[in-house]
Each structure stands twice: as structure tokens, then as C-alpha cells.
Amino acid sequence: MAFLDLPQPVLGLTREHGGETLTCLFNLGADEAVIEMPETRCGAALEGHGFGAPREGDLVRLPAHGAFFASTGGAG
């Protein structure tokens, strides 16, 4: 597991296993946070987890207390 260098209040981490990298972003703040996170860096956005953080081009819009998950491989 590795933590990403992101501005507060966003916590980001990656985890690698079996050729797949999972990227997780968590907005710990009470306001929306916009993070530059190109698909080429973190893979395709995952769905079905109950959080809504849309990607707009290379930007991820994390709502207050929201989360975003992406994968470079097999999960999804």
C-alpha cells in the first residue's frame, strides 16, 4: 500500500495485488474537492460501491465526505 501526495482534506492510496492496482480517494472534508487524476495514472473508475464521484476528463470531483475508486486491472 502506498499513500498519494494529495492536498488536504483528500486522502489517497494505492494497493497492488495480482497485477492490478486499485486507487482509492477519500474526501475527508465538508466541501467538494477536485483532484487531477488521469485515467492513465489510476485506471478506469469502478462502479457499484455506493459513492458518486464523477470524473470529468482528468479531474475527479469528490463530493463532501465522498470517495472514488479506480482499477488498472481485473476488478470491476
C-alpha atoms as a PDB file:
ATOM      1  CA  MET A   1       0.000   0.000   0.000  1.00  0.00           C
ATOM      2  CA  ALA A   2       1.258   3.475  -0.850  1.00  0.00           C
ATOM      3  CA  PHE A   3      -0.167   6.858   0.077  1.00  0.00           C
ATOM      4  CA  LEU A   4      -0.561   9.502  -2.636  1.00  0.00           C
ATOM      5  CA  ASP A   5       0.698  13.063  -2.244  1.00  0.00           C
ATOM      6  CA  LEU A   6      -2.606  14.983  -2.427  1.00  0.00           C
ATOM      7  CA  PRO A   7      -3.857  18.245  -0.924  1.00  0.00           C
ATOM      8  CA  GLN A   8      -5.838  18.141   2.304  1.00  0.00           C
ATOM      9  CA  PRO A   9      -8.509  17.098   3.050  1.00  0.00           C
ATOM     10  CA  VAL A  10      -8.179  14.322   0.440  1.00  0.00           C
ATOM     11  CA  LEU A  11      -6.612  11.015   1.433  1.00  0.00           C
ATOM     12  CA  GLY A  12      -5.429   8.851  -1.447  1.00  0.00           C
ATOM     13  CA  LEU A  13      -3.804   5.452  -1.576  1.00  0.00           C
ATOM     14  CA  THR A  14      -2.972   2.671  -3.984  1.00  0.00           C
ATOM     15  CA  ARG A  15      -2.751  -1.053  -3.424  1.00  0.00           C
ATOM     16  CA  GLU A  16      -1.250  -3.571  -5.815  1.00  0.00           C
ATOM     17  CA  HIS A  17      -2.070  -7.266  -5.983  1.00  0.00           C
ATOM     18  CA  GLY A  18      -2.000  -9.834  -8.761  1.00  0.00           C
ATOM     19  CA  GLY A  19      -1.118  -7.361 -11.497  1.00  0.00           C
ATOM     20  CA  GLU A  20      -3.917  -4.968 -10.546  1.00  0.00           C
ATOM     21  CA  THR A  21      -3.556  -1.537  -8.944  1.00  0.00           C
ATOM     22  CA  LEU A  22      -6.512  -0.191  -7.005  1.00  0.00           C
ATOM     23  CA  THR A  23      -6.604   3.583  -6.389  1.00  0.00           C
ATOM     24  CA  CYS A  24      -8.796   4.956  -3.598  1.00  0.00           C
ATOM     25  CA  LEU A  25      -9.527   8.637  -2.948  1.00  0.00           C
ATOM     26  CA  PHE A  26     -11.399   9.838   0.140  1.00  0.00           C
ATOM     27  CA  ASN A  27     -12.586  13.400   0.710  1.00  0.00           C
ATOM     28  CA  LEU A  28     -12.453  13.878   4.481  1.00  0.00           C
ATOM     29  CA  GLY A  29     -13.753  17.445   4.215  1.00  0.00           C
ATOM     30  CA  ALA A  30     -17.174  19.098   4.308  1.00  0.00           C
ATOM     31  CA  ASP A  31     -16.746  20.713   0.856  1.00  0.00           C
ATOM     32  CA  GLU A  32     -16.284  19.332  -2.644  1.00  0.00           C
ATOM     33  CA  ALA A  33     -12.669  18.603  -3.620  1.00  0.00           C
ATOM     34  CA  VAL A  34     -11.393  18.446  -7.194  1.00  0.00           C
ATOM     35  CA  ILE A  35      -8.337  16.270  -7.796  1.00  0.00           C
ATOM     36  CA  GLU A  36      -6.371  15.799 -11.013  1.00  0.00           C
ATOM     37  CA  MET A  37      -6.257  12.031 -11.530  1.00  0.00           C
ATOM     38  CA  PRO A  38      -5.931  10.990 -15.193  1.00  0.00           C
ATOM     39  CA  GLU A  39      -7.189   7.556 -16.153  1.00  0.00           C
ATOM     40  CA  THR A  40      -3.690   6.820 -17.448  1.00  0.00           C
ATOM     41  CA  ARG A  41      -2.470   7.160 -13.850  1.00  0.00           C
ATOM     42  CA  CYS A  42      -5.142   5.267 -11.917  1.00  0.00           C
ATOM     43  CA  GLY A  43      -7.129   3.177 -14.391  1.00  0.00           C
ATOM     44  CA  ALA A  44     -10.840   3.034 -15.041  1.00  0.00           C
ATOM     45  CA  ALA A  45     -13.339   4.237 -12.456  1.00  0.00           C
ATOM     46  CA  LEU A  46     -15.119   1.456 -10.568  1.00  0.00           C
ATOM     47  CA  GLU A  47     -18.882   1.498 -10.091  1.00  0.00           C
ATOM     48  CA  GLY A  48     -21.404  -0.123  -7.785  1.00  0.00           C
ATOM     49  CA  HIS A  49     -19.788   0.888  -4.481  1.00  0.00           C
ATOM     50  CA  GLY A  50     -22.367   3.499  -3.474  1.00  0.00           C
ATOM     51  CA  PHE A  51     -20.205   6.620  -3.842  1.00  0.00           C
ATOM     52  CA  GLY A  52     -20.721   9.128  -6.619  1.00  0.00           C
ATOM     53  CA  ALA A  53     -17.561  10.968  -7.625  1.00  0.00           C
ATOM     54  CA  PRO A  54     -17.707  11.793 -11.316  1.00  0.00           C
ATOM     55  CA  ARG A  55     -14.627  12.013 -13.483  1.00  0.00           C
ATOM     56  CA  GLU A  56     -14.543  14.944 -15.894  1.00  0.00           C
ATOM     57  CA  GLY A  57     -11.593  14.411 -18.209  1.00  0.00           C
ATOM     58  CA  ASP A  58      -8.554  14.205 -15.934  1.00  0.00           C
ATOM     59  CA  LEU A  59     -10.425  15.611 -12.906  1.00  0.00           C
ATOM     60  CA  VAL A  60     -12.265  13.704 -10.186  1.00  0.00           C
ATOM     61  CA  ARG A  61     -14.936  15.672  -8.329  1.00  0.00           C
ATOM     62  CA  LEU A  62     -15.196  14.305  -4.820  1.00  0.00           C
ATOM     63  CA  PRO A  63     -18.321  15.448  -3.001  1.00  0.00           C
ATOM     64  CA  ALA A  64     -18.078  16.244   0.706  1.00  0.00           C
ATOM     65  CA  HIS A  65     -17.177  13.032   2.565  1.00  0.00           C
ATOM     66  CA  GLY A  66     -17.174  11.196  -0.771  1.00  0.00           C
ATOM     67  CA  ALA A  67     -14.933   8.534  -2.274  1.00  0.00           C
ATOM     68  CA  PHE A  68     -13.617   7.439  -5.663  1.00  0.00           C
ATOM     69  CA  PHE A  69     -12.228   4.067  -6.654  1.00  0.00           C
ATOM     70  CA  ALA A  70     -10.393   3.079  -9.845  1.00  0.00           C
ATOM     71  CA  SER A  71      -8.565  -0.002 -11.059  1.00  0.00           C
ATOM     72  CA  THR A  72      -5.925  -0.778 -13.668  1.00  0.00           C
ATOM     73  CA  GLY A  73      -6.894  -4.423 -13.922  1.00  0.00           C
ATOM     74  CA  GLY A  74      -9.186  -7.351 -13.206  1.00  0.00           C
ATOM     75  CA  ALA A  75     -11.700  -5.904 -10.683  1.00  0.00           C
ATOM     76  CA  GLY A  76     -14.701  -4.000 -11.769  1.00  0.00           C
END
